[in-house]
Structure formats: C-alpha cells, structure tokens
C-alpha cells in the first residue's frame, strides 16, 4: 500500500515537470496552435500511450536493475540532475524562446499526429529521468507490493500529466495571446519553471535513497 505522502510527493513532482517546457509541451502546443485543439488532443493520445509504456516498464521492475547495480543508479542520478539543471537554465536564460511561440509546422493527419506524440514522449529525457530516478524514491520496499506501489505512483503521475497537458492543449491559443500582450508574465513563468527544475535537481543530488 502506498502512503499518502508518497502519492502527494509524486503528484507534486509530476506537476512541476509537466509545467516546465520540454519536448512534450513544445510538441503539443505547436500542434494546437498550428492545427487546432483536435490535432493537439490526438497528439496527446500518443503521449498518453508513451506514459503507459514507461509505467509498464516501471511496474515490471526496471528499478530492480539499478538496485543491483548502485553505481549505475548513481550515474543516472547525476545525469538526471545535470539534465534538469540544463532545463532550468534554458527556462531562465536571456533570449530564451517561448513555448507558446512555436515556428510554423506542416499539417499532419491523425495517424501521424498520434505516432509523433508517442515517439516524442518515449524519447523525452525528462520522462525517462522521472521514471528511472525520481519515481523509485517514493517507493518503500518495507511496505511490500513494490510492483503495486510503482503502478499506483505511475497512475498518479499519468493522471496529473494528462490533465495538465489537456488543459494546455485547449488553452494554448488563449495563453499565447495573453503572454504576447503581457511579457512580464512570461518572465514570471520562466523563472518559476527554472526554480522548480533546479529544486528537483538538488533533490536528486542530495537524496541517498536507492531504488526498491
């Protein structure tokens, strides 16, 4: 059984990551702005399947590999923290490109939109870091049912990510217009995202837990 603090913790981590610019957000926003909400939602279905693939791998015991090879897990922690810090810098650096001002892209049919959403998520380093380095830290092997804990936490992460991404898809046009009129809000958004990412990186570097 998963404790509430673990559920709340992974929900906060998932929220922080989904609100920070990354491959998924850039892809979904670009599709929503260039082809409309329907294209964005079809793309989101592909992203959802990608999450399910990661959840299945986590439930199958991918963390066990890293428990058996602690040095590999430590290396992934460091690499994950470095990647998060790089994303934090990208969020706050001068001259950064806004996720809500994507370059024009050609229109695609539903099949290609779905496939691109799936591939984008599967190749998203931020999601790999989440499932390999962050999610295992919320699993308590002393409570038993490690696979069930992993599945439960994965479901929480997926629900948070899909809810926020769906909201981003349906409001992308309005948000883009608002940020264009109020550039000050864009700076606030960037610095908030940078702070969240930096905090997650520090957590990775200072946490001494090992995957279950």
N, C-alpha and C. Protein backbone atom coordinates (compact mmCIF):
# COMPACT_ATOMS: atom_id res chain seq x y z
N UNK A 1 0.84 -1.20 0.00
CA UNK A 1 0.00 0.00 0.00
C UNK A 1 0.88 1.25 0.00
N UNK A 2 0.55 2.19 -0.83
CA UNK A 2 1.31 3.43 -0.93
C UNK A 2 0.80 4.42 0.09
N UNK A 3 1.72 5.06 0.82
CA UNK A 3 1.33 6.07 1.79
C UNK A 3 0.96 7.37 1.09
N UNK A 4 0.11 8.16 1.76
CA UNK A 4 -0.32 9.43 1.16
C UNK A 4 0.85 10.37 0.87
N UNK A 5 1.84 10.50 1.76
CA UNK A 5 2.96 11.39 1.44
C UNK A 5 3.66 11.02 0.13
N UNK A 6 3.75 9.72 -0.17
CA UNK A 6 4.37 9.31 -1.43
C UNK A 6 3.52 9.71 -2.62
N UNK A 7 2.20 9.53 -2.49
CA UNK A 7 1.29 9.93 -3.57
C UNK A 7 1.36 11.44 -3.79
N UNK A 8 1.31 12.20 -2.68
CA UNK A 8 1.38 13.66 -2.78
C UNK A 8 2.72 14.09 -3.37
N UNK A 9 3.79 13.41 -2.95
CA UNK A 9 5.12 13.76 -3.44
C UNK A 9 5.26 13.56 -4.93
N UNK A 10 4.82 12.41 -5.44
CA UNK A 10 4.95 12.16 -6.87
C UNK A 10 4.02 13.07 -7.66
N UNK A 11 2.88 13.44 -7.07
CA UNK A 11 1.96 14.37 -7.74
C UNK A 11 2.62 15.74 -7.90
N UNK A 12 3.30 16.20 -6.85
CA UNK A 12 3.98 17.50 -6.91
C UNK A 12 5.12 17.45 -7.94
N UNK A 13 5.89 16.37 -7.92
CA UNK A 13 6.98 16.21 -8.89
C UNK A 13 6.42 16.19 -10.31
N UNK A 14 5.35 15.42 -10.51
CA UNK A 14 4.75 15.32 -11.85
C UNK A 14 4.23 16.68 -12.30
N UNK A 15 3.62 17.43 -11.37
CA UNK A 15 3.10 18.75 -11.72
C UNK A 15 4.24 19.69 -12.08
N UNK A 16 5.30 19.66 -11.29
CA UNK A 16 6.44 20.52 -11.59
C UNK A 16 7.05 20.23 -12.94
N UNK A 17 7.18 18.95 -13.28
CA UNK A 17 7.78 18.57 -14.56
C UNK A 17 6.88 18.89 -15.74
N UNK A 18 5.58 18.65 -15.60
CA UNK A 18 4.68 18.88 -16.73
C UNK A 18 4.51 20.38 -17.01
N UNK A 19 4.75 21.21 -16.01
CA UNK A 19 4.62 22.65 -16.21
C UNK A 19 5.89 23.29 -16.76
N UNK A 20 6.96 22.51 -16.86
CA UNK A 20 8.20 23.05 -17.39
C UNK A 20 8.32 22.69 -18.87
N UNK A 21 8.85 23.62 -19.68
CA UNK A 21 8.96 23.34 -21.11
C UNK A 21 9.83 22.12 -21.38
N UNK A 22 9.39 21.30 -22.29
CA UNK A 22 10.13 20.11 -22.68
C UNK A 22 9.58 19.63 -24.01
N UNK A 23 10.07 18.51 -24.52
CA UNK A 23 9.61 18.02 -25.82
C UNK A 23 8.10 17.84 -25.90
N UNK A 24 7.48 17.29 -24.87
CA UNK A 24 6.03 17.08 -24.91
C UNK A 24 5.27 18.39 -25.03
N UNK A 25 5.63 19.36 -24.17
CA UNK A 25 4.92 20.63 -24.19
C UNK A 25 5.11 21.35 -25.52
N UNK A 26 6.35 21.38 -26.02
CA UNK A 26 6.60 22.04 -27.29
C UNK A 26 5.79 21.40 -28.41
N UNK A 27 5.75 20.07 -28.43
CA UNK A 27 5.03 19.38 -29.50
C UNK A 27 3.52 19.64 -29.40
N UNK A 28 2.95 19.49 -28.21
CA UNK A 28 1.51 19.66 -28.04
C UNK A 28 1.07 21.09 -28.32
N UNK A 29 1.83 22.06 -27.84
CA UNK A 29 1.47 23.46 -28.08
C UNK A 29 1.58 23.80 -29.55
N UNK A 30 2.66 23.35 -30.20
CA UNK A 30 2.83 23.66 -31.62
C UNK A 30 1.69 23.08 -32.44
N UNK A 31 1.27 21.86 -32.12
CA UNK A 31 0.18 21.24 -32.87
C UNK A 31 -1.14 21.97 -32.60
N UNK A 32 -1.36 22.36 -31.36
CA UNK A 32 -2.61 23.05 -31.02
C UNK A 32 -2.69 24.42 -31.68
N UNK A 33 -1.56 25.12 -31.75
CA UNK A 33 -1.57 26.46 -32.33
C UNK A 33 -1.61 26.43 -33.85
N UNK A 34 -0.99 25.42 -34.47
CA UNK A 34 -0.92 25.39 -35.93
C UNK A 34 -2.04 24.59 -36.58
N UNK A 35 -2.59 23.59 -35.86
CA UNK A 35 -3.65 22.76 -36.45
C UNK A 35 -4.94 22.75 -35.65
N UNK A 36 -4.96 23.35 -34.48
CA UNK A 36 -6.18 23.39 -33.70
C UNK A 36 -6.20 22.40 -32.54
N UNK A 37 -7.23 22.55 -31.71
CA UNK A 37 -7.32 21.73 -30.49
C UNK A 37 -7.46 20.24 -30.79
N UNK A 38 -8.21 19.90 -31.84
CA UNK A 38 -8.41 18.48 -32.14
C UNK A 38 -7.07 17.81 -32.42
N UNK A 39 -6.22 18.46 -33.21
CA UNK A 39 -4.89 17.90 -33.50
C UNK A 39 -4.08 17.77 -32.22
N UNK A 40 -4.20 18.77 -31.34
CA UNK A 40 -3.48 18.70 -30.08
C UNK A 40 -3.94 17.54 -29.22
N UNK A 41 -5.24 17.28 -29.20
CA UNK A 41 -5.77 16.18 -28.39
C UNK A 41 -5.39 14.82 -28.97
N UNK A 42 -5.37 14.70 -30.30
CA UNK A 42 -4.93 13.45 -30.92
C UNK A 42 -3.46 13.19 -30.59
N UNK A 43 -2.67 14.25 -30.64
CA UNK A 43 -1.26 14.13 -30.28
C UNK A 43 -1.12 13.72 -28.82
N UNK A 44 -2.00 14.23 -27.96
CA UNK A 44 -1.95 13.90 -26.54
C UNK A 44 -2.24 12.43 -26.30
N UNK A 45 -3.08 11.82 -27.14
CA UNK A 45 -3.33 10.38 -27.03
C UNK A 45 -2.04 9.58 -27.23
N UNK A 46 -1.23 10.01 -28.19
CA UNK A 46 0.05 9.35 -28.41
C UNK A 46 0.97 9.52 -27.21
N UNK A 47 0.98 10.72 -26.64
CA UNK A 47 1.77 10.98 -25.44
C UNK A 47 1.31 10.07 -24.30
N UNK A 48 -0.01 9.90 -24.17
CA UNK A 48 -0.57 9.06 -23.10
C UNK A 48 -0.08 7.62 -23.22
N UNK A 49 -0.06 7.08 -24.43
CA UNK A 49 0.42 5.71 -24.64
C UNK A 49 1.90 5.61 -24.26
N UNK A 50 2.66 6.66 -24.56
CA UNK A 50 4.06 6.67 -24.16
C UNK A 50 4.22 6.59 -22.65
N UNK A 51 3.36 7.29 -21.92
CA UNK A 51 3.39 7.21 -20.46
C UNK A 51 3.09 5.78 -20.00
N UNK A 52 2.13 5.14 -20.66
CA UNK A 52 1.77 3.77 -20.28
C UNK A 52 2.94 2.81 -20.49
N UNK A 53 3.71 3.03 -21.54
CA UNK A 53 4.89 2.19 -21.78
C UNK A 53 5.90 2.34 -20.65
N UNK A 54 6.14 3.58 -20.23
CA UNK A 54 7.06 3.82 -19.11
C UNK A 54 6.51 3.20 -17.83
N UNK A 55 5.20 3.35 -17.60
CA UNK A 55 4.58 2.79 -16.39
C UNK A 55 4.71 1.28 -16.36
N UNK A 56 4.52 0.64 -17.51
CA UNK A 56 4.64 -0.82 -17.58
C UNK A 56 6.06 -1.26 -17.27
N UNK A 57 7.04 -0.52 -17.79
CA UNK A 57 8.44 -0.86 -17.52
C UNK A 57 8.76 -0.69 -16.04
N UNK A 58 8.25 0.38 -15.44
CA UNK A 58 8.50 0.61 -14.02
C UNK A 58 7.85 -0.47 -13.17
N UNK A 59 6.62 -0.86 -13.52
CA UNK A 59 5.90 -1.89 -12.77
C UNK A 59 6.58 -3.24 -12.92
N UNK A 60 7.18 -3.49 -14.08
CA UNK A 60 7.84 -4.77 -14.33
C UNK A 60 9.13 -4.91 -13.55
N UNK A 61 9.57 -3.82 -12.93
CA UNK A 61 10.74 -3.91 -12.07
C UNK A 61 12.02 -3.35 -12.64
N UNK A 62 11.89 -2.31 -13.48
CA UNK A 62 13.10 -1.73 -14.06
C UNK A 62 14.01 -1.18 -12.97
N UNK A 63 13.41 -0.73 -11.85
CA UNK A 63 14.22 -0.17 -10.76
C UNK A 63 15.11 -1.23 -10.11
N UNK A 64 14.70 -2.50 -10.21
CA UNK A 64 15.49 -3.57 -9.61
C UNK A 64 16.89 -3.63 -10.21
N UNK A 65 16.99 -3.34 -11.49
CA UNK A 65 18.30 -3.34 -12.16
C UNK A 65 19.24 -2.36 -11.47
N UNK A 66 18.69 -1.19 -11.14
CA UNK A 66 19.53 -0.16 -10.53
C UNK A 66 19.81 -0.46 -9.06
N UNK A 67 18.92 -1.22 -8.42
CA UNK A 67 19.19 -1.64 -7.04
C UNK A 67 20.34 -2.63 -7.01
N UNK A 68 20.45 -3.46 -8.05
CA UNK A 68 21.52 -4.45 -8.12
C UNK A 68 22.84 -3.83 -8.57
N UNK A 69 22.77 -2.69 -9.24
CA UNK A 69 23.98 -2.00 -9.72
C UNK A 69 23.94 -0.56 -9.21
N UNK A 70 24.29 -0.33 -7.95
CA UNK A 70 24.19 1.01 -7.36
C UNK A 70 24.98 2.07 -8.13
N UNK A 71 26.13 1.71 -8.67
CA UNK A 71 26.93 2.69 -9.39
C UNK A 71 26.18 3.21 -10.61
N UNK A 72 25.44 2.34 -11.29
CA UNK A 72 24.65 2.76 -12.44
C UNK A 72 23.56 3.73 -12.02
N UNK A 73 22.92 3.41 -10.88
CA UNK A 73 21.86 4.29 -10.38
C UNK A 73 22.42 5.66 -10.01
N UNK A 74 23.60 5.69 -9.37
CA UNK A 74 24.22 6.96 -9.01
C UNK A 74 24.56 7.77 -10.25
N UNK A 75 25.06 7.10 -11.27
CA UNK A 75 25.39 7.79 -12.52
C UNK A 75 24.15 8.40 -13.14
N UNK A 76 23.03 7.66 -13.09
CA UNK A 76 21.78 8.17 -13.65
C UNK A 76 21.25 9.34 -12.83
N UNK A 77 21.43 9.28 -11.50
CA UNK A 77 21.03 10.41 -10.66
C UNK A 77 21.78 11.67 -11.07
N UNK A 78 23.10 11.53 -11.24
CA UNK A 78 23.91 12.69 -11.61
C UNK A 78 23.54 13.20 -12.99
N UNK A 79 23.36 12.26 -13.94
CA UNK A 79 22.97 12.66 -15.30
C UNK A 79 21.60 13.32 -15.30
N UNK A 80 20.68 12.76 -14.52
CA UNK A 80 19.34 13.33 -14.45
C UNK A 80 19.36 14.73 -13.85
N UNK A 81 20.15 14.91 -12.78
CA UNK A 81 20.25 16.23 -12.15
C UNK A 81 20.87 17.23 -13.12
N UNK A 82 21.89 16.80 -13.86
CA UNK A 82 22.53 17.70 -14.84
C UNK A 82 21.53 18.11 -15.92
N UNK A 83 20.72 17.16 -16.36
CA UNK A 83 19.72 17.48 -17.39
C UNK A 83 18.68 18.46 -16.86
N UNK A 84 18.22 18.24 -15.63
CA UNK A 84 17.24 19.15 -15.03
C UNK A 84 17.81 20.55 -14.86
N UNK A 85 19.08 20.63 -14.46
CA UNK A 85 19.72 21.94 -14.33
C UNK A 85 19.85 22.62 -15.69
N UNK A 86 20.13 21.83 -16.72
CA UNK A 86 20.20 22.40 -18.07
C UNK A 86 18.84 22.95 -18.48
N UNK A 87 17.76 22.21 -18.18
CA UNK A 87 16.42 22.70 -18.48
C UNK A 87 16.12 23.97 -17.69
N UNK A 88 16.56 24.02 -16.43
CA UNK A 88 16.35 25.21 -15.61
C UNK A 88 17.04 26.42 -16.24
N UNK A 89 18.26 26.23 -16.73
CA UNK A 89 18.97 27.32 -17.39
C UNK A 89 18.26 27.75 -18.66
N UNK A 90 17.78 26.77 -19.43
CA UNK A 90 17.05 27.10 -20.65
C UNK A 90 15.80 27.93 -20.35
N UNK A 91 15.20 27.68 -19.18
CA UNK A 91 13.98 28.41 -18.81
C UNK A 91 14.26 29.86 -18.45
N UNK A 92 15.42 30.13 -17.85
CA UNK A 92 15.67 31.48 -17.33
C UNK A 92 16.70 32.27 -18.13
N UNK A 93 17.40 31.63 -19.04
CA UNK A 93 18.45 32.34 -19.75
C UNK A 93 17.89 33.46 -20.61
N UNK A 94 18.63 34.55 -20.76
CA UNK A 94 18.18 35.65 -21.61
C UNK A 94 18.00 35.19 -23.06
N UNK A 95 16.95 35.66 -23.68
CA UNK A 95 16.72 35.33 -25.08
C UNK A 95 16.10 33.98 -25.32
N UNK A 96 15.64 33.30 -24.26
CA UNK A 96 15.01 32.00 -24.43
C UNK A 96 13.73 32.11 -25.26
N UNK A 97 13.47 31.07 -26.05
CA UNK A 97 12.28 31.06 -26.90
C UNK A 97 11.08 30.57 -26.11
N UNK A 98 9.97 31.26 -26.23
CA UNK A 98 8.76 30.86 -25.51
C UNK A 98 8.14 29.63 -26.16
N UNK A 99 7.67 28.71 -25.31
CA UNK A 99 6.99 27.52 -25.81
C UNK A 99 5.70 27.88 -26.53
N UNK A 100 5.14 29.06 -26.21
CA UNK A 100 3.88 29.48 -26.82
C UNK A 100 4.09 30.34 -28.07
N UNK A 101 5.30 30.29 -28.63
CA UNK A 101 5.57 30.98 -29.89
C UNK A 101 6.33 30.04 -30.82
N UNK A 102 5.73 28.90 -31.16
CA UNK A 102 6.44 27.92 -31.98
C UNK A 102 6.54 28.34 -33.44
N UNK A 103 7.53 27.78 -34.13
CA UNK A 103 7.66 28.05 -35.55
C UNK A 103 6.56 27.31 -36.32
N UNK A 104 6.13 27.86 -37.46
CA UNK A 104 5.10 27.18 -38.25
C UNK A 104 5.53 25.77 -38.64
N UNK A 105 4.57 24.84 -38.63
CA UNK A 105 4.85 23.45 -38.99
C UNK A 105 3.79 22.96 -39.96
N UNK A 106 4.13 21.97 -40.82
CA UNK A 106 3.14 21.44 -41.76
C UNK A 106 2.04 20.67 -41.04
N UNK A 107 0.87 20.59 -41.66
CA UNK A 107 -0.26 19.87 -41.07
C UNK A 107 -0.10 18.37 -41.32
N UNK A 108 -0.50 17.57 -40.32
CA UNK A 108 -0.43 16.12 -40.42
C UNK A 108 -1.79 15.51 -40.13
N UNK A 109 -2.00 14.25 -40.61
CA UNK A 109 -3.22 13.52 -40.33
C UNK A 109 -3.20 12.92 -38.95
N UNK A 110 -4.36 12.39 -38.49
CA UNK A 110 -4.47 11.84 -37.12
C UNK A 110 -3.44 10.75 -36.82
N UNK A 111 -3.19 9.84 -37.78
CA UNK A 111 -2.25 8.76 -37.54
C UNK A 111 -0.84 9.27 -37.25
N UNK A 112 -0.40 10.22 -38.04
CA UNK A 112 0.95 10.75 -37.84
C UNK A 112 1.01 11.60 -36.58
N UNK A 113 -0.06 12.32 -36.28
CA UNK A 113 -0.10 13.12 -35.05
C UNK A 113 0.05 12.20 -33.83
N UNK A 114 -0.69 11.09 -33.84
CA UNK A 114 -0.63 10.12 -32.74
C UNK A 114 0.77 9.53 -32.62
N UNK A 115 1.33 9.10 -33.76
CA UNK A 115 2.65 8.47 -33.75
C UNK A 115 3.72 9.44 -33.28
N UNK A 116 3.64 10.69 -33.71
CA UNK A 116 4.63 11.67 -33.30
C UNK A 116 4.52 11.97 -31.81
N UNK A 117 3.28 12.00 -31.28
CA UNK A 117 3.11 12.20 -29.85
C UNK A 117 3.71 11.05 -29.06
N UNK A 118 3.51 9.82 -29.54
CA UNK A 118 4.07 8.64 -28.88
C UNK A 118 5.59 8.66 -28.88
N UNK A 119 6.17 8.89 -30.06
CA UNK A 119 7.63 8.89 -30.18
C UNK A 119 8.25 10.05 -29.38
N UNK A 120 7.62 11.21 -29.43
CA UNK A 120 8.12 12.36 -28.68
C UNK A 120 8.21 12.04 -27.19
N UNK A 121 7.20 11.37 -26.66
CA UNK A 121 7.20 11.05 -25.23
C UNK A 121 8.20 9.94 -24.92
N UNK A 122 8.26 8.92 -25.75
CA UNK A 122 9.19 7.82 -25.50
C UNK A 122 10.65 8.29 -25.52
N UNK A 123 10.95 9.30 -26.34
CA UNK A 123 12.31 9.81 -26.45
C UNK A 123 12.54 11.05 -25.60
N UNK A 124 11.59 11.34 -24.71
CA UNK A 124 11.68 12.54 -23.86
C UNK A 124 12.59 12.26 -22.66
N UNK A 125 13.78 12.86 -22.60
CA UNK A 125 14.68 12.60 -21.47
C UNK A 125 14.07 12.95 -20.12
N UNK A 126 13.21 13.96 -20.10
CA UNK A 126 12.61 14.39 -18.83
C UNK A 126 11.74 13.29 -18.24
N UNK A 127 11.00 12.57 -19.07
CA UNK A 127 10.15 11.48 -18.59
C UNK A 127 11.01 10.29 -18.17
N UNK A 128 12.08 10.04 -18.91
CA UNK A 128 12.99 8.95 -18.52
C UNK A 128 13.60 9.22 -17.15
N UNK A 129 14.00 10.47 -16.91
CA UNK A 129 14.53 10.85 -15.60
C UNK A 129 13.49 10.62 -14.52
N UNK A 130 12.25 10.98 -14.80
CA UNK A 130 11.18 10.82 -13.82
C UNK A 130 11.01 9.37 -13.41
N UNK A 131 10.93 8.46 -14.39
CA UNK A 131 10.66 7.06 -14.08
C UNK A 131 11.88 6.30 -13.58
N UNK A 132 13.05 6.70 -14.01
CA UNK A 132 14.26 5.97 -13.62
C UNK A 132 14.83 6.48 -12.30
N UNK A 133 14.81 7.80 -12.11
CA UNK A 133 15.50 8.38 -10.96
C UNK A 133 14.58 8.95 -9.88
N UNK A 134 13.44 9.51 -10.26
CA UNK A 134 12.59 10.19 -9.29
C UNK A 134 11.52 9.28 -8.69
N UNK A 135 10.77 8.60 -9.52
CA UNK A 135 9.68 7.76 -9.02
C UNK A 135 10.14 6.70 -8.03
N UNK A 136 11.27 5.99 -8.26
CA UNK A 136 11.69 4.96 -7.31
C UNK A 136 11.93 5.49 -5.89
N UNK A 137 12.22 6.79 -5.76
CA UNK A 137 12.48 7.36 -4.45
C UNK A 137 11.23 7.40 -3.57
N UNK A 138 10.06 7.27 -4.17
CA UNK A 138 8.81 7.31 -3.41
C UNK A 138 8.30 5.91 -3.08
N UNK A 139 9.05 4.89 -3.46
CA UNK A 139 8.66 3.51 -3.19
C UNK A 139 9.32 3.04 -1.89
N UNK A 140 8.54 2.47 -0.99
CA UNK A 140 9.04 1.97 0.28
C UNK A 140 8.97 0.44 0.27
N UNK A 141 10.09 -0.25 0.06
CA UNK A 141 10.07 -1.72 -0.03
C UNK A 141 9.61 -2.39 1.27
N UNK A 142 9.71 -1.69 2.40
CA UNK A 142 9.29 -2.29 3.67
C UNK A 142 7.78 -2.45 3.76
N UNK A 143 7.06 -1.76 2.90
CA UNK A 143 5.60 -1.85 2.91
C UNK A 143 5.10 -2.95 1.98
N UNK A 144 6.01 -3.63 1.27
CA UNK A 144 5.62 -4.72 0.40
C UNK A 144 4.95 -4.24 -0.87
N UNK A 145 4.68 -5.18 -1.77
CA UNK A 145 3.98 -4.85 -3.01
C UNK A 145 4.67 -3.76 -3.81
N UNK A 146 5.97 -3.94 -4.08
CA UNK A 146 6.72 -2.92 -4.80
C UNK A 146 6.12 -2.64 -6.17
N UNK A 147 5.73 -3.70 -6.88
CA UNK A 147 5.14 -3.52 -8.21
C UNK A 147 3.85 -2.72 -8.13
N UNK A 148 3.01 -3.02 -7.12
CA UNK A 148 1.75 -2.30 -6.95
C UNK A 148 2.01 -0.84 -6.59
N UNK A 149 3.02 -0.61 -5.75
CA UNK A 149 3.37 0.77 -5.41
C UNK A 149 3.80 1.53 -6.66
N UNK A 150 4.65 0.88 -7.46
CA UNK A 150 5.13 1.52 -8.68
C UNK A 150 3.99 1.83 -9.63
N UNK A 151 3.05 0.87 -9.77
CA UNK A 151 1.91 1.08 -10.65
C UNK A 151 1.04 2.22 -10.15
N UNK A 152 0.79 2.25 -8.84
CA UNK A 152 -0.05 3.30 -8.26
C UNK A 152 0.56 4.67 -8.48
N UNK A 153 1.85 4.80 -8.19
CA UNK A 153 2.53 6.08 -8.37
C UNK A 153 2.57 6.48 -9.84
N UNK A 154 2.74 5.50 -10.73
CA UNK A 154 2.75 5.78 -12.16
C UNK A 154 1.39 6.31 -12.61
N UNK A 155 0.32 5.71 -12.10
CA UNK A 155 -1.04 6.17 -12.45
C UNK A 155 -1.24 7.60 -11.99
N UNK A 156 -0.77 7.92 -10.78
CA UNK A 156 -0.90 9.29 -10.27
C UNK A 156 -0.16 10.26 -11.20
N UNK A 157 1.07 9.89 -11.57
CA UNK A 157 1.84 10.75 -12.46
C UNK A 157 1.15 10.94 -13.79
N UNK A 158 0.61 9.86 -14.35
CA UNK A 158 -0.05 9.94 -15.66
C UNK A 158 -1.30 10.82 -15.58
N UNK A 159 -2.09 10.66 -14.53
CA UNK A 159 -3.30 11.48 -14.38
C UNK A 159 -2.96 12.96 -14.29
N UNK A 160 -1.93 13.28 -13.51
CA UNK A 160 -1.52 14.69 -13.38
C UNK A 160 -1.03 15.21 -14.72
N UNK A 161 -0.16 14.45 -15.37
CA UNK A 161 0.43 14.90 -16.63
C UNK A 161 -0.62 15.08 -17.72
N UNK A 162 -1.53 14.11 -17.84
CA UNK A 162 -2.54 14.20 -18.89
C UNK A 162 -3.53 15.32 -18.62
N UNK A 163 -3.90 15.51 -17.36
CA UNK A 163 -4.84 16.59 -17.02
C UNK A 163 -4.25 17.95 -17.38
N UNK A 164 -2.99 18.17 -16.98
CA UNK A 164 -2.36 19.45 -17.26
C UNK A 164 -2.11 19.62 -18.75
N UNK A 165 -1.65 18.56 -19.42
CA UNK A 165 -1.41 18.67 -20.86
C UNK A 165 -2.69 18.92 -21.64
N UNK A 166 -3.79 18.30 -21.21
CA UNK A 166 -5.08 18.55 -21.88
C UNK A 166 -5.49 20.00 -21.70
N UNK A 167 -5.27 20.54 -20.50
CA UNK A 167 -5.58 21.95 -20.25
C UNK A 167 -4.71 22.86 -21.11
N UNK A 168 -3.44 22.49 -21.26
CA UNK A 168 -2.54 23.27 -22.11
C UNK A 168 -3.00 23.25 -23.55
N UNK A 169 -3.43 22.08 -24.02
CA UNK A 169 -3.88 21.95 -25.41
C UNK A 169 -5.09 22.85 -25.69
N UNK A 170 -6.09 22.83 -24.80
CA UNK A 170 -7.33 23.56 -25.07
C UNK A 170 -7.18 25.06 -24.81
N UNK A 171 -6.15 25.46 -24.09
CA UNK A 171 -5.98 26.89 -23.78
C UNK A 171 -4.74 27.49 -24.44
N UNK A 172 -4.06 26.72 -25.27
CA UNK A 172 -2.79 27.20 -25.85
C UNK A 172 -2.96 28.53 -26.58
N UNK A 173 -4.02 28.64 -27.38
CA UNK A 173 -4.24 29.88 -28.12
C UNK A 173 -4.45 31.07 -27.22
N UNK A 174 -5.26 30.90 -26.18
CA UNK A 174 -5.54 32.00 -25.25
C UNK A 174 -4.30 32.38 -24.46
N UNK A 175 -3.56 31.38 -24.00
CA UNK A 175 -2.34 31.65 -23.24
C UNK A 175 -1.30 32.36 -24.10
N UNK A 176 -1.15 31.92 -25.34
CA UNK A 176 -0.19 32.55 -26.25
C UNK A 176 -0.54 34.02 -26.45
N UNK A 177 -1.83 34.31 -26.64
CA UNK A 177 -2.26 35.70 -26.81
C UNK A 177 -2.01 36.52 -25.57
N UNK A 178 -2.32 35.97 -24.39
CA UNK A 178 -2.13 36.69 -23.14
C UNK A 178 -0.66 37.00 -22.89
N UNK A 179 0.22 36.01 -23.12
CA UNK A 179 1.64 36.22 -22.88
C UNK A 179 2.22 37.21 -23.88
N UNK A 180 1.69 37.23 -25.10
CA UNK A 180 2.16 38.20 -26.09
C UNK A 180 1.82 39.62 -25.67
N UNK A 181 0.67 39.78 -24.99
CA UNK A 181 0.26 41.11 -24.53
C UNK A 181 0.93 41.50 -23.22
N UNK A 182 1.34 40.51 -22.43
CA UNK A 182 1.93 40.79 -21.11
C UNK A 182 3.26 40.03 -20.98
N UNK A 183 4.32 40.56 -21.54
CA UNK A 183 5.61 39.86 -21.48
C UNK A 183 6.13 39.67 -20.06
N UNK A 184 5.68 40.51 -19.13
CA UNK A 184 6.11 40.34 -17.74
C UNK A 184 5.70 39.00 -17.17
N UNK A 185 4.50 38.53 -17.54
CA UNK A 185 4.03 37.22 -17.07
C UNK A 185 4.89 36.10 -17.63
N UNK A 186 5.39 36.30 -18.82
CA UNK A 186 6.25 35.28 -19.42
C UNK A 186 7.54 35.13 -18.62
N UNK A 187 8.08 36.25 -18.13
CA UNK A 187 9.28 36.18 -17.30
C UNK A 187 9.00 35.45 -15.99
N UNK A 188 7.84 35.76 -15.39
CA UNK A 188 7.47 35.07 -14.14
C UNK A 188 7.36 33.57 -14.38
N UNK A 189 6.71 33.19 -15.48
CA UNK A 189 6.55 31.78 -15.81
C UNK A 189 7.91 31.10 -15.97
N UNK A 190 8.82 31.75 -16.67
CA UNK A 190 10.13 31.15 -16.93
C UNK A 190 10.91 30.97 -15.63
N UNK A 191 10.90 31.97 -14.77
CA UNK A 191 11.68 31.86 -13.52
C UNK A 191 11.05 30.85 -12.57
N UNK A 192 9.72 30.75 -12.56
CA UNK A 192 9.07 29.74 -11.72
C UNK A 192 9.47 28.35 -12.18
N UNK A 193 9.42 28.14 -13.49
CA UNK A 193 9.80 26.83 -14.03
C UNK A 193 11.26 26.51 -13.73
N UNK A 194 12.12 27.51 -13.87
CA UNK A 194 13.52 27.30 -13.58
C UNK A 194 13.76 26.92 -12.13
N UNK A 195 13.02 27.56 -11.21
CA UNK A 195 13.17 27.25 -9.78
C UNK A 195 12.72 25.82 -9.48
N UNK A 196 11.60 25.40 -10.08
CA UNK A 196 11.10 24.04 -9.86
C UNK A 196 12.11 23.01 -10.35
N UNK A 197 12.65 23.22 -11.54
CA UNK A 197 13.61 22.28 -12.10
C UNK A 197 14.89 22.22 -11.27
N UNK A 198 15.37 23.38 -10.84
CA UNK A 198 16.57 23.40 -10.02
C UNK A 198 16.33 22.68 -8.69
N UNK A 199 15.14 22.85 -8.11
CA UNK A 199 14.81 22.16 -6.87
C UNK A 199 14.81 20.65 -7.04
N UNK A 200 14.26 20.19 -8.15
CA UNK A 200 14.26 18.75 -8.42
C UNK A 200 15.68 18.22 -8.62
N UNK A 201 16.53 19.01 -9.26
CA UNK A 201 17.91 18.60 -9.46
C UNK A 201 18.64 18.47 -8.12
N UNK A 202 18.41 19.43 -7.23
CA UNK A 202 19.04 19.37 -5.90
C UNK A 202 18.55 18.14 -5.14
N UNK A 203 17.26 17.84 -5.26
CA UNK A 203 16.72 16.66 -4.60
C UNK A 203 17.42 15.40 -5.09
N UNK A 204 17.63 15.31 -6.39
CA UNK A 204 18.30 14.15 -6.94
C UNK A 204 19.73 14.02 -6.43
N UNK A 205 20.43 15.13 -6.35
CA UNK A 205 21.84 15.10 -5.96
C UNK A 205 22.02 14.81 -4.48
N UNK A 206 21.05 15.20 -3.66
CA UNK A 206 21.21 15.06 -2.20
C UNK A 206 20.51 13.84 -1.64
N UNK A 207 19.62 13.22 -2.40
CA UNK A 207 18.89 12.07 -1.90
C UNK A 207 19.80 10.84 -1.88
N UNK A 208 19.82 10.12 -0.75
CA UNK A 208 20.67 8.96 -0.60
C UNK A 208 19.91 7.65 -0.73
N UNK A 209 18.64 7.73 -1.08
CA UNK A 209 17.84 6.51 -1.20
C UNK A 209 18.29 5.70 -2.40
N UNK A 210 17.94 4.44 -2.38
CA UNK A 210 18.20 3.54 -3.51
C UNK A 210 16.88 3.00 -4.01
N UNK A 211 16.77 2.71 -5.31
CA UNK A 211 15.52 2.19 -5.82
C UNK A 211 15.15 0.87 -5.17
N UNK A 212 13.84 0.61 -5.12
CA UNK A 212 13.38 -0.62 -4.48
C UNK A 212 13.79 -1.83 -5.31
